[in-house]
Amino acid sequence: MDSFISYCSVHVRQPDADFFRLALFVANAIDLTSISTLGSAGFLLIFAAVKTANAFHAPQTNSPGWISAAGACACLAALVAMAVMIESSYRLVKREIRIHE
């Protein structure tokens, strides 16, 4: 265990303080729901890109390309559904604010 700790202290780059300051600022300045929504959208985009790349390279990887293409379409459909849900909830909140004014 001591050899692993010494290896990490020499070879693993420690994050600098500016990164932590930025992370603390974002976590305190932006609503946590927005942060999680951005994370979900980013994951869906990256996963769709990976599935699309695998669909194009299916002959080299000996995998059925249609499964990867279906996965990419499902990811993009989930992203569109999430965007529609966010837009509809934004309109609902906007309408509620006008009613209570």
PDB file of N, CA and C in Angstrom:
ATOM      1  N   MET A   1       0.823  -1.196   0.000  1.00  0.00           N
ATOM      2  CA  MET A   1       0.000   0.000   0.000  1.00  0.00           C
ATOM      3  C   MET A   1       0.864   1.257   0.000  1.00  0.00           C
ATOM      4  N   ASP A   2       1.982   1.210   0.733  1.00  0.00           N
ATOM      5  CA  ASP A   2       2.853   2.382   0.774  1.00  0.00           C
ATOM      6  C   ASP A   2       3.476   2.665  -0.584  1.00  0.00           C
ATOM      7  N   SER A   3       3.779   1.613  -1.345  1.00  0.00           N
ATOM      8  CA  SER A   3       4.364   1.834  -2.666  1.00  0.00           C
ATOM      9  C   SER A   3       3.349   2.484  -3.609  1.00  0.00           C
ATOM     10  N   PHE A   4       2.063   2.130  -3.463  1.00  0.00           N
ATOM     11  CA  PHE A   4       1.026   2.746  -4.284  1.00  0.00           C
ATOM     12  C   PHE A   4       0.885   4.225  -3.949  1.00  0.00           C
ATOM     13  N   ILE A   5       0.912   4.554  -2.670  1.00  0.00           N
ATOM     14  CA  ILE A   5       0.794   5.957  -2.249  1.00  0.00           C
ATOM     15  C   ILE A   5       1.990   6.754  -2.738  1.00  0.00           C
ATOM     16  N   SER A   6       3.190   6.190  -2.658  1.00  0.00           N
ATOM     17  CA  SER A   6       4.357   6.917  -3.141  1.00  0.00           C
ATOM     18  C   SER A   6       4.312   7.064  -4.661  1.00  0.00           C
ATOM     19  N   TYR A   7       3.810   6.040  -5.374  1.00  0.00           N
ATOM     20  CA  TYR A   7       3.669   6.145  -6.823  1.00  0.00           C
ATOM     21  C   TYR A   7       2.702   7.261  -7.184  1.00  0.00           C
ATOM     22  N   CYS A   8       1.562   7.320  -6.495  1.00  0.00           N
ATOM     23  CA  CYS A   8       0.561   8.349  -6.796  1.00  0.00           C
ATOM     24  C   CYS A   8       1.079   9.737  -6.479  1.00  0.00           C
ATOM     25  N   SER A   9       1.845   9.879  -5.425  1.00  0.00           N
ATOM     26  CA  SER A   9       2.338  11.205  -5.060  1.00  0.00           C
ATOM     27  C   SER A   9       3.348  11.713  -6.078  1.00  0.00           C
ATOM     28  N   VAL A  10       4.011  10.808  -6.805  1.00  0.00           N
ATOM     29  CA  VAL A  10       4.993  11.222  -7.794  1.00  0.00           C
ATOM     30  C   VAL A  10       4.384  11.324  -9.181  1.00  0.00           C
ATOM     31  N   HIS A  11       3.541  10.367  -9.583  1.00  0.00           N
ATOM     32  CA  HIS A  11       3.095  10.261 -10.968  1.00  0.00           C
ATOM     33  C   HIS A  11       1.714  10.848 -11.247  1.00  0.00           C
ATOM     34  N   VAL A  12       0.894  11.025 -10.242  1.00  0.00           N
ATOM     35  CA  VAL A  12      -0.454  11.535 -10.465  1.00  0.00           C
ATOM     36  C   VAL A  12      -0.446  13.040 -10.251  1.00  0.00           C
ATOM     37  N   ARG A  13      -0.917  13.752 -11.252  1.00  0.00           N
ATOM     38  CA  ARG A  13      -0.951  15.219 -11.167  1.00  0.00           C
ATOM     39  C   ARG A  13      -2.040  15.651 -10.196  1.00  0.00           C
ATOM     40  N   GLN A  14      -1.672  16.478  -9.268  1.00  0.00           N
ATOM     41  CA  GLN A  14      -2.634  16.987  -8.298  1.00  0.00           C
ATOM     42  C   GLN A  14      -3.391  18.163  -8.919  1.00  0.00           C
ATOM     43  N   PRO A  15      -4.714  18.206  -8.757  1.00  0.00           N
ATOM     44  CA  PRO A  15      -5.460  19.349  -9.307  1.00  0.00           C
ATOM     45  C   PRO A  15      -5.073  20.630  -8.587  1.00  0.00           C
ATOM     46  N   ASP A  16      -5.015  21.696  -9.352  1.00  0.00           N
ATOM     47  CA  ASP A  16      -4.623  22.956  -8.740  1.00  0.00           C
ATOM     48  C   ASP A  16      -5.811  23.635  -8.061  1.00  0.00           C
ATOM     49  N   ALA A  17      -5.510  24.637  -7.280  1.00  0.00           N
ATOM     50  CA  ALA A  17      -6.526  25.305  -6.474  1.00  0.00           C
ATOM     51  C   ALA A  17      -7.526  26.063  -7.339  1.00  0.00           C
ATOM     52  N   ASP A  18      -7.114  26.519  -8.517  1.00  0.00           N
ATOM     53  CA  ASP A  18      -8.035  27.263  -9.382  1.00  0.00           C
ATOM     54  C   ASP A  18      -9.211  26.395  -9.820  1.00  0.00           C
ATOM     55  N   PHE A  19      -8.957  25.117 -10.059  1.00  0.00           N
ATOM     56  CA  PHE A  19     -10.038  24.221 -10.431  1.00  0.00           C
ATOM     57  C   PHE A  19     -11.063  24.109  -9.302  1.00  0.00           C
ATOM     58  N   PHE A  20     -10.577  23.981  -8.075  1.00  0.00           N
ATOM     59  CA  PHE A  20     -11.491  23.875  -6.942  1.00  0.00           C
ATOM     60  C   PHE A  20     -12.269  25.173  -6.737  1.00  0.00           C
ATOM     61  N   ARG A  21     -11.621  26.296  -6.934  1.00  0.00           N
ATOM     62  CA  ARG A  21     -12.330  27.582  -6.818  1.00  0.00           C
ATOM     63  C   ARG A  21     -13.431  27.689  -7.870  1.00  0.00           C
ATOM     64  N   LEU A  22     -13.115  27.282  -9.094  1.00  0.00           N
ATOM     65  CA  LEU A  22     -14.113  27.318 -10.159  1.00  0.00           C
ATOM     66  C   LEU A  22     -15.266  26.372  -9.852  1.00  0.00           C
ATOM     67  N   ALA A  23     -14.959  25.170  -9.364  1.00  0.00           N
ATOM     68  CA  ALA A  23     -16.006  24.204  -9.030  1.00  0.00           C
ATOM     69  C   ALA A  23     -16.890  24.731  -7.906  1.00  0.00           C
ATOM     70  N   LEU A  24     -16.302  25.334  -6.900  1.00  0.00           N
ATOM     71  CA  LEU A  24     -17.096  25.910  -5.805  1.00  0.00           C
ATOM     72  C   LEU A  24     -17.959  27.062  -6.293  1.00  0.00           C
ATOM     73  N   PHE A  25     -17.414  27.886  -7.184  1.00  0.00           N
ATOM     74  CA  PHE A  25     -18.201  28.996  -7.716  1.00  0.00           C
ATOM     75  C   PHE A  25     -19.397  28.494  -8.512  1.00  0.00           C
ATOM     76  N   VAL A  26     -19.168  27.532  -9.390  1.00  0.00           N
ATOM     77  CA  VAL A  26     -20.259  27.000 -10.213  1.00  0.00           C
ATOM     78  C   VAL A  26     -21.309  26.327  -9.337  1.00  0.00           C
ATOM     79  N   ALA A  27     -20.866  25.554  -8.354  1.00  0.00           N
ATOM     80  CA  ALA A  27     -21.817  24.844  -7.490  1.00  0.00           C
ATOM     81  C   ALA A  27     -22.661  25.797  -6.660  1.00  0.00           C
ATOM     82  N   ASN A  28     -22.115  26.951  -6.307  1.00  0.00           N
ATOM     83  CA  ASN A  28     -22.871  27.899  -5.494  1.00  0.00           C
ATOM     84  C   ASN A  28     -23.623  28.933  -6.311  1.00  0.00           C
ATOM     85  N   ALA A  29     -23.172  29.206  -7.530  1.00  0.00           N
ATOM     86  CA  ALA A  29     -23.801  30.253  -8.333  1.00  0.00           C
ATOM     87  C   ALA A  29     -24.921  29.729  -9.219  1.00  0.00           C
ATOM     88  N   ILE A  30     -24.843  28.477  -9.628  1.00  0.00           N
ATOM     89  CA  ILE A  30     -25.822  27.923 -10.557  1.00  0.00           C
ATOM     90  C   ILE A  30     -26.689  26.916  -9.814  1.00  0.00           C
ATOM     91  N   ASP A  31     -27.959  26.893 -10.170  1.00  0.00           N
ATOM     92  CA  ASP A  31     -28.892  25.949  -9.566  1.00  0.00           C
ATOM     93  C   ASP A  31     -28.435  24.519  -9.825  1.00  0.00           C
ATOM     94  N   LEU A  32     -28.518  23.671  -8.807  1.00  0.00           N
ATOM     95  CA  LEU A  32     -28.042  22.291  -8.941  1.00  0.00           C
ATOM     96  C   LEU A  32     -28.836  21.510  -9.981  1.00  0.00           C
ATOM     97  N   THR A  33     -30.102  21.865 -10.167  1.00  0.00           N
ATOM     98  CA  THR A  33     -30.895  21.206 -11.204  1.00  0.00           C
ATOM     99  C   THR A  33     -30.315  21.491 -12.584  1.00  0.00           C
ATOM    100  N   SER A  34     -29.881  22.711 -12.798  1.00  0.00           N
ATOM    101  CA  SER A  34     -29.274  23.065 -14.084  1.00  0.00           C
ATOM    102  C   SER A  34     -27.960  22.329 -14.296  1.00  0.00           C
ATOM    103  N   ILE A  35     -27.168  22.189 -13.234  1.00  0.00           N
ATOM    104  CA  ILE A  35     -25.897  21.478 -13.347  1.00  0.00           C
ATOM    105  C   ILE A  35     -26.148  20.013 -13.704  1.00  0.00           C
ATOM    106  N   SER A  36     -27.113  19.390 -13.055  1.00  0.00           N
ATOM    107  CA  SER A  36     -27.382  17.978 -13.349  1.00  0.00           C
ATOM    108  C   SER A  36     -27.976  17.804 -14.742  1.00  0.00           C
ATOM    109  N   THR A  37     -28.775  18.768 -15.185  1.00  0.00           N
ATOM    110  CA  THR A  37     -29.335  18.695 -16.533  1.00  0.00           C
ATOM    111  C   THR A  37     -28.232  18.819 -17.581  1.00  0.00           C
ATOM    112  N   LEU A  38     -27.294  19.719 -17.351  1.00  0.00           N
ATOM    113  CA  LEU A  38     -26.166  19.849 -18.279  1.00  0.00           C
ATOM    114  C   LEU A  38     -25.327  18.577 -18.299  1.00  0.00           C
ATOM    115  N   GLY A  39     -25.135  17.972 -17.142  1.00  0.00           N
ATOM    116  CA  GLY A  39     -24.395  16.711 -17.098  1.00  0.00           C
ATOM    117  C   GLY A  39     -25.100  15.609 -17.858  1.00  0.00           C
ATOM    118  N   SER A  40     -26.409  15.534 -17.706  1.00  0.00           N
ATOM    119  CA  SER A  40     -27.180  14.516 -18.422  1.00  0.00           C
ATOM    120  C   SER A  40     -27.134  14.737 -19.928  1.00  0.00           C
ATOM    121  N   ALA A  41     -27.267  15.981 -20.339  1.00  0.00           N
ATOM    122  CA  ALA A  41     -27.217  16.293 -21.770  1.00  0.00           C
ATOM    123  C   ALA A  41     -25.840  15.977 -22.347  1.00  0.00           C
ATOM    124  N   GLY A  42     -24.795  16.321 -21.605  1.00  0.00           N
ATOM    125  CA  GLY A  42     -23.444  16.003 -22.061  1.00  0.00           C
ATOM    126  C   GLY A  42     -23.216  14.510 -22.187  1.00  0.00           C
ATOM    127  N   PHE A  43     -23.709  13.752 -21.211  1.00  0.00           N
ATOM    128  CA  PHE A  43     -23.571  12.299 -21.281  1.00  0.00           C
ATOM    129  C   PHE A  43     -24.299  11.747 -22.493  1.00  0.00           C
ATOM    130  N   LEU A  44     -25.520  12.205 -22.742  1.00  0.00           N
ATOM    131  CA  LEU A  44     -26.284  11.699 -23.883  1.00  0.00           C
ATOM    132  C   LEU A  44     -25.595  12.019 -25.207  1.00  0.00           C
ATOM    133  N   LEU A  45     -25.025  13.214 -25.317  1.00  0.00           N
ATOM    134  CA  LEU A  45     -24.322  13.575 -26.554  1.00  0.00           C
ATOM    135  C   LEU A  45     -23.076  12.727 -26.758  1.00  0.00           C
ATOM    136  N   ILE A  46     -22.300  12.538 -25.703  1.00  0.00           N
ATOM    137  CA  ILE A  46     -21.082  11.741 -25.831  1.00  0.00           C
ATOM    138  C   ILE A  46     -21.423  10.286 -26.133  1.00  0.00           C
ATOM    139  N   PHE A  47     -22.430   9.736 -25.451  1.00  0.00           N
ATOM    140  CA  PHE A  47     -22.810   8.351 -25.685  1.00  0.00           C
ATOM    141  C   PHE A  47     -23.332   8.164 -27.104  1.00  0.00           C
ATOM    142  N   ALA A  48     -24.103   9.146 -27.611  1.00  0.00           N
ATOM    143  CA  ALA A  48     -24.583   9.066 -28.994  1.00  0.00           C
ATOM    144  C   ALA A  48     -23.422   9.129 -29.977  1.00  0.00           C
ATOM    145  N   ALA A  49     -22.424   9.946 -29.687  1.00  0.00           N
ATOM    146  CA  ALA A  49     -21.252  10.033 -30.572  1.00  0.00           C
ATOM    147  C   ALA A  49     -20.484   8.714 -30.588  1.00  0.00           C
ATOM    148  N   VAL A  50     -20.326   8.092 -29.429  1.00  0.00           N
ATOM    149  CA  VAL A  50     -19.622   6.812 -29.362  1.00  0.00           C
ATOM    150  C   VAL A  50     -20.393   5.732 -30.118  1.00  0.00           C
ATOM    151  N   LYS A  51     -21.706   5.706 -29.941  1.00  0.00           N
ATOM    152  CA  LYS A  51     -22.517   4.711 -30.650  1.00  0.00           C
ATOM    153  C   LYS A  51     -22.480   4.947 -32.159  1.00  0.00           C
ATOM    154  N   THR A  52     -22.496   6.202 -32.578  1.00  0.00           N
ATOM    155  CA  THR A  52     -22.421   6.512 -34.001  1.00  0.00           C
ATOM    156  C   THR A  52     -21.073   6.074 -34.578  1.00  0.00           C
ATOM    157  N   ALA A  53     -20.002   6.339 -33.844  1.00  0.00           N
ATOM    158  CA  ALA A  53     -18.680   5.914 -34.312  1.00  0.00           C
ATOM    159  C   ALA A  53     -18.597   4.394 -34.419  1.00  0.00           C
ATOM    160  N   ASN A  54     -19.201   3.710 -33.451  1.00  0.00           N
ATOM    161  CA  ASN A  54     -19.182   2.246 -33.517  1.00  0.00           C
ATOM    162  C   ASN A  54     -20.031   1.746 -34.685  1.00  0.00           C
ATOM    163  N   ALA A  55     -21.113   2.424 -34.988  1.00  0.00           N
ATOM    164  CA  ALA A  55     -21.934   2.017 -36.126  1.00  0.00           C
ATOM    165  C   ALA A  55     -21.148   2.149 -37.433  1.00  0.00           C
ATOM    166  N   PHE A  56     -20.341   3.204 -37.550  1.00  0.00           N
ATOM    167  CA  PHE A  56     -19.542   3.385 -38.765  1.00  0.00           C
ATOM    168  C   PHE A  56     -18.406   2.368 -38.854  1.00  0.00           C
ATOM    169  N   HIS A  57     -17.870   1.979 -37.721  1.00  0.00           N
ATOM    170  CA  HIS A  57     -16.742   1.048 -37.705  1.00  0.00           C
ATOM    171  C   HIS A  57     -17.165  -0.369 -37.342  1.00  0.00           C
ATOM    172  N   ALA A  58     -18.414  -0.698 -37.549  1.00  0.00           N
ATOM    173  CA  ALA A  58     -18.921  -2.031 -37.192  1.00  0.00           C
ATOM    174  C   ALA A  58     -18.191  -3.157 -37.915  1.00  0.00           C
ATOM    175  N   PRO A  59     -17.847  -3.011 -39.197  1.00  0.00           N
ATOM    176  CA  PRO A  59     -17.131  -4.118 -39.850  1.00  0.00           C
ATOM    177  C   PRO A  59     -15.758  -4.399 -39.211  1.00  0.00           C
ATOM    178  N   GLN A  60     -15.069  -3.345 -38.768  1.00  0.00           N
ATOM    179  CA  GLN A  60     -13.756  -3.552 -38.152  1.00  0.00           C
ATOM    180  C   GLN A  60     -13.870  -4.145 -36.748  1.00  0.00           C
ATOM    181  N   THR A  61     -14.972  -3.850 -36.049  1.00  0.00           N
ATOM    182  CA  THR A  61     -15.121  -4.340 -34.675  1.00  0.00           C
ATOM    183  C   THR A  61     -15.939  -5.617 -34.598  1.00  0.00           C
ATOM    184  N   ASN A  62     -16.401  -6.098 -35.738  1.00  0.00           N
ATOM    185  CA  ASN A  62     -17.239  -7.305 -35.791  1.00  0.00           C
ATOM    186  C   ASN A  62     -18.458  -7.197 -34.876  1.00  0.00           C
ATOM    187  N   SER A  63     -19.085  -6.046 -34.899  1.00  0.00           N
ATOM    188  CA  SER A  63     -20.296  -5.855 -34.099  1.00  0.00           C
ATOM    189  C   SER A  63     -21.446  -5.491 -35.031  1.00  0.00           C
ATOM    190  N   PRO A  64     -22.671  -5.814 -34.647  1.00  0.00           N
ATOM    191  CA  PRO A  64     -23.809  -5.425 -35.494  1.00  0.00           C
ATOM    192  C   PRO A  64     -24.011  -3.907 -35.430  1.00  0.00           C
ATOM    193  N   GLY A  65     -23.846  -3.267 -36.556  1.00  0.00           N
ATOM    194  CA  GLY A  65     -23.927  -1.810 -36.599  1.00  0.00           C
ATOM    195  C   GLY A  65     -25.304  -1.265 -36.312  1.00  0.00           C
ATOM    196  N   TRP A  66     -26.334  -2.046 -36.588  1.00  0.00           N
ATOM    197  CA  TRP A  66     -27.692  -1.547 -36.381  1.00  0.00           C
ATOM    198  C   TRP A  66     -27.995  -1.365 -34.896  1.00  0.00           C
ATOM    199  N   ILE A  67     -27.376  -2.165 -34.048  1.00  0.00           N
ATOM    200  CA  ILE A  67     -27.606  -1.991 -32.605  1.00  0.00           C
ATOM    201  C   ILE A  67     -26.998  -0.669 -32.141  1.00  0.00           C
ATOM    202  N   SER A  68     -25.807  -0.368 -32.622  1.00  0.00           N
ATOM    203  CA  SER A  68     -25.177   0.906 -32.255  1.00  0.00           C
ATOM    204  C   SER A  68     -25.948   2.088 -32.831  1.00  0.00           C
ATOM    205  N   ALA A  69     -26.434   1.950 -34.052  1.00  0.00           N
ATOM    206  CA  ALA A  69     -27.222   3.025 -34.656  1.00  0.00           C
ATOM    207  C   ALA A  69     -28.523   3.232 -33.892  1.00  0.00           C
ATOM    208  N   ALA A  70     -29.151   2.141 -33.468  1.00  0.00           N
ATOM    209  CA  ALA A  70     -30.380   2.258 -32.673  1.00  0.00           C
ATOM    210  C   ALA A  70     -30.087   2.912 -31.335  1.00  0.00           C
ATOM    211  N   GLY A  71     -28.946   2.594 -30.733  1.00  0.00           N
ATOM    212  CA  GLY A  71     -28.565   3.231 -29.476  1.00  0.00           C
ATOM    213  C   GLY A  71     -28.318   4.714 -29.645  1.00  0.00           C
ATOM    214  N   ALA A  72     -27.679   5.098 -30.744  1.00  0.00           N
ATOM    215  CA  ALA A  72     -27.441   6.520 -31.003  1.00  0.00           C
ATOM    216  C   ALA A  72     -28.764   7.255 -31.203  1.00  0.00           C
ATOM    217  N   CYS A  73     -29.681   6.645 -31.940  1.00  0.00           N
ATOM    218  CA  CYS A  73     -31.008   7.266 -32.144  1.00  0.00           C
ATOM    219  C   CYS A  73     -31.758   7.383 -30.830  1.00  0.00           C
ATOM    220  N   ALA A  74     -31.653   6.364 -29.981  1.00  0.00           N
ATOM    221  CA  ALA A  74     -32.328   6.415 -28.686  1.00  0.00           C
ATOM    222  C   ALA A  74     -31.746   7.516 -27.802  1.00  0.00           C
ATOM    223  N   CYS A  75     -30.430   7.685 -27.847  1.00  0.00           N
ATOM    224  CA  CYS A  75     -29.803   8.763 -27.069  1.00  0.00           C
ATOM    225  C   CYS A  75     -30.259  10.135 -27.546  1.00  0.00           C
ATOM    226  N   LEU A  76     -30.299  10.313 -28.863  1.00  0.00           N
ATOM    227  CA  LEU A  76     -30.741  11.597 -29.395  1.00  0.00           C
ATOM    228  C   LEU A  76     -32.219  11.837 -29.114  1.00  0.00           C
ATOM    229  N   ALA A  77     -33.032  10.781 -29.155  1.00  0.00           N
ATOM    230  CA  ALA A  77     -34.448  10.927 -28.812  1.00  0.00           C
ATOM    231  C   ALA A  77     -34.611  11.302 -27.341  1.00  0.00           C
ATOM    232  N   ALA A  78     -33.799  10.706 -26.478  1.00  0.00           N
ATOM    233  CA  ALA A  78     -33.856  11.060 -25.058  1.00  0.00           C
ATOM    234  C   ALA A  78     -33.423  12.499 -24.835  1.00  0.00           C
ATOM    235  N   LEU A  79     -32.447  12.958 -25.597  1.00  0.00           N
ATOM    236  CA  LEU A  79     -32.004  14.349 -25.485  1.00  0.00           C
ATOM    237  C   LEU A  79     -33.107  15.306 -25.921  1.00  0.00           C
ATOM    238  N   VAL A  80     -33.779  14.983 -27.018  1.00  0.00           N
ATOM    239  CA  VAL A  80     -34.896  15.817 -27.479  1.00  0.00           C
ATOM    240  C   VAL A  80     -36.027  15.799 -26.454  1.00  0.00           C
ATOM    241  N   ALA A  81     -36.336  14.638 -25.900  1.00  0.00           N
ATOM    242  CA  ALA A  81     -37.395  14.549 -24.891  1.00  0.00           C
ATOM    243  C   ALA A  81     -37.040  15.371 -23.654  1.00  0.00           C
ATOM    244  N   MET A  82     -35.774  15.335 -23.262  1.00  0.00           N
ATOM    245  CA  MET A  82     -35.346  16.131 -22.113  1.00  0.00           C
ATOM    246  C   MET A  82     -35.468  17.619 -22.407  1.00  0.00           C
ATOM    247  N   ALA A  83     -35.103  18.035 -23.614  1.00  0.00           N
ATOM    248  CA  ALA A  83     -35.218  19.445 -23.984  1.00  0.00           C
ATOM    249  C   ALA A  83     -36.677  19.899 -24.000  1.00  0.00           C
ATOM    250  N   VAL A  84     -37.564  19.049 -24.514  1.00  0.00           N
ATOM    251  CA  VAL A  84     -38.992  19.384 -24.535  1.00  0.00           C
ATOM    252  C   VAL A  84     -39.530  19.484 -23.107  1.00  0.00           C
ATOM    253  N   MET A  85     -39.119  18.570 -22.242  1.00  0.00           N
ATOM    254  CA  MET A  85     -39.568  18.605 -20.851  1.00  0.00           C
ATOM    255  C   MET A  85     -39.081  19.868 -20.152  1.00  0.00           C
ATOM    256  N   ILE A  86     -37.844  20.254 -20.395  1.00  0.00           N
ATOM    257  CA  ILE A  86     -37.308  21.467 -19.769  1.00  0.00           C
ATOM    258  C   ILE A  86     -38.047  22.692 -20.278  1.00  0.00           C
ATOM    259  N   GLU A  87     -38.308  22.748 -21.578  1.00  0.00           N
ATOM    260  CA  GLU A  87     -39.028  23.891 -22.145  1.00  0.00           C
ATOM    261  C   GLU A  87     -40.443  23.981 -21.599  1.00  0.00           C
ATOM    262  N   SER A  88     -41.124  22.848 -21.483  1.00  0.00           N
ATOM    263  CA  SER A  88     -42.498  22.889 -20.975  1.00  0.00           C
ATOM    264  C   SER A  88     -42.526  23.267 -19.495  1.00  0.00           C
ATOM    265  N   SER A  89     -41.564  22.813 -18.714  1.00  0.00           N
ATOM    266  CA  SER A  89     -41.541  23.199 -17.303  1.00  0.00           C
ATOM    267  C   SER A  89     -41.184  24.669 -17.160  1.00  0.00           C
ATOM    268  N   TYR A  90     -40.327  25.192 -18.052  1.00  0.00           N
ATOM    269  CA  TYR A  90     -40.004  26.615 -18.025  1.00  0.00           C
ATOM    270  C   TYR A  90     -41.240  27.456 -18.329  1.00  0.00           C
ATOM    271  N   ARG A  91     -42.019  27.034 -19.334  1.00  0.00           N
ATOM    272  CA  ARG A  91     -43.246  27.773 -19.656  1.00  0.00           C
ATOM    273  C   ARG A  91     -44.242  27.712 -18.514  1.00  0.00           C
ATOM    274  N   LEU A  92     -44.347  26.572 -17.839  1.00  0.00           N
ATOM    275  CA  LEU A  92     -45.259  26.429 -16.710  1.00  0.00           C
ATOM    276  C   LEU A  92     -44.850  27.346 -15.572  1.00  0.00           C
ATOM    277  N   VAL A  93     -43.574  27.396 -15.263  1.00  0.00           N
ATOM    278  CA  VAL A  93     -43.099  28.275 -14.192  1.00  0.00           C
ATOM    279  C   VAL A  93     -43.319  29.727 -14.576  1.00  0.00           C
ATOM    280  N   LYS A  94     -43.094  30.072 -15.823  1.00  0.00           N
ATOM    281  CA  LYS A  94     -43.288  31.446 -16.288  1.00  0.00           C
ATOM    282  C   LYS A  94     -44.762  31.840 -16.165  1.00  0.00           C
ATOM    283  N   ARG A  95     -45.672  30.910 -16.490  1.00  0.00           N
ATOM    284  CA  ARG A  95     -47.097  31.177 -16.378  1.00  0.00           C
ATOM    285  C   ARG A  95     -47.496  31.324 -14.906  1.00  0.00           C
ATOM    286  N   GLU A  96     -46.934  30.488 -14.031  1.00  0.00           N
ATOM    287  CA  GLU A  96     -47.236  30.584 -12.604  1.00  0.00           C
ATOM    288  C   GLU A  96     -46.798  31.912 -12.030  1.00  0.00           C
ATOM    289  N   ILE A  97     -45.665  32.417 -12.505  1.00  0.00           N
ATOM    290  CA  ILE A  97     -45.183  33.709 -12.017  1.00  0.00           C
ATOM    291  C   ILE A  97     -46.135  34.805 -12.454  1.00  0.00           C
ATOM    292  N   ARG A  98     -46.632  34.759 -13.688  1.00  0.00           N
ATOM    293  CA  ARG A  98     -47.569  35.778 -14.153  1.00  0.00           C
ATOM    294  C   ARG A  98     -48.893  35.711 -13.398  1.00  0.00           C
ATOM    295  N   ILE A  99     -49.326  34.525 -13.030  1.00  0.00           N
ATOM    296  CA  ILE A  99     -50.598  34.394 -12.303  1.00  0.00           C
ATOM    297  C   ILE A  99     -50.487  34.999 -10.921  1.00  0.00           C
ATOM    298  N   HIS A 100     -49.343  34.812 -10.269  1.00  0.00           N
ATOM    299  CA  HIS A 100     -49.190  35.292  -8.895  1.00  0.00           C
ATOM    300  C   HIS A 100     -48.808  36.753  -8.811  1.00  0.00           C
ATOM    301  N   GLU A 101     -48.533  37.415  -9.904  1.00  0.00           N
ATOM    302  CA  GLU A 101     -48.150  38.829  -9.846  1.00  0.00           C
ATOM    303  C   GLU A 101     -49.327  39.737  -9.671  1.00  0.00           C
TER     304      GLU A 101
END
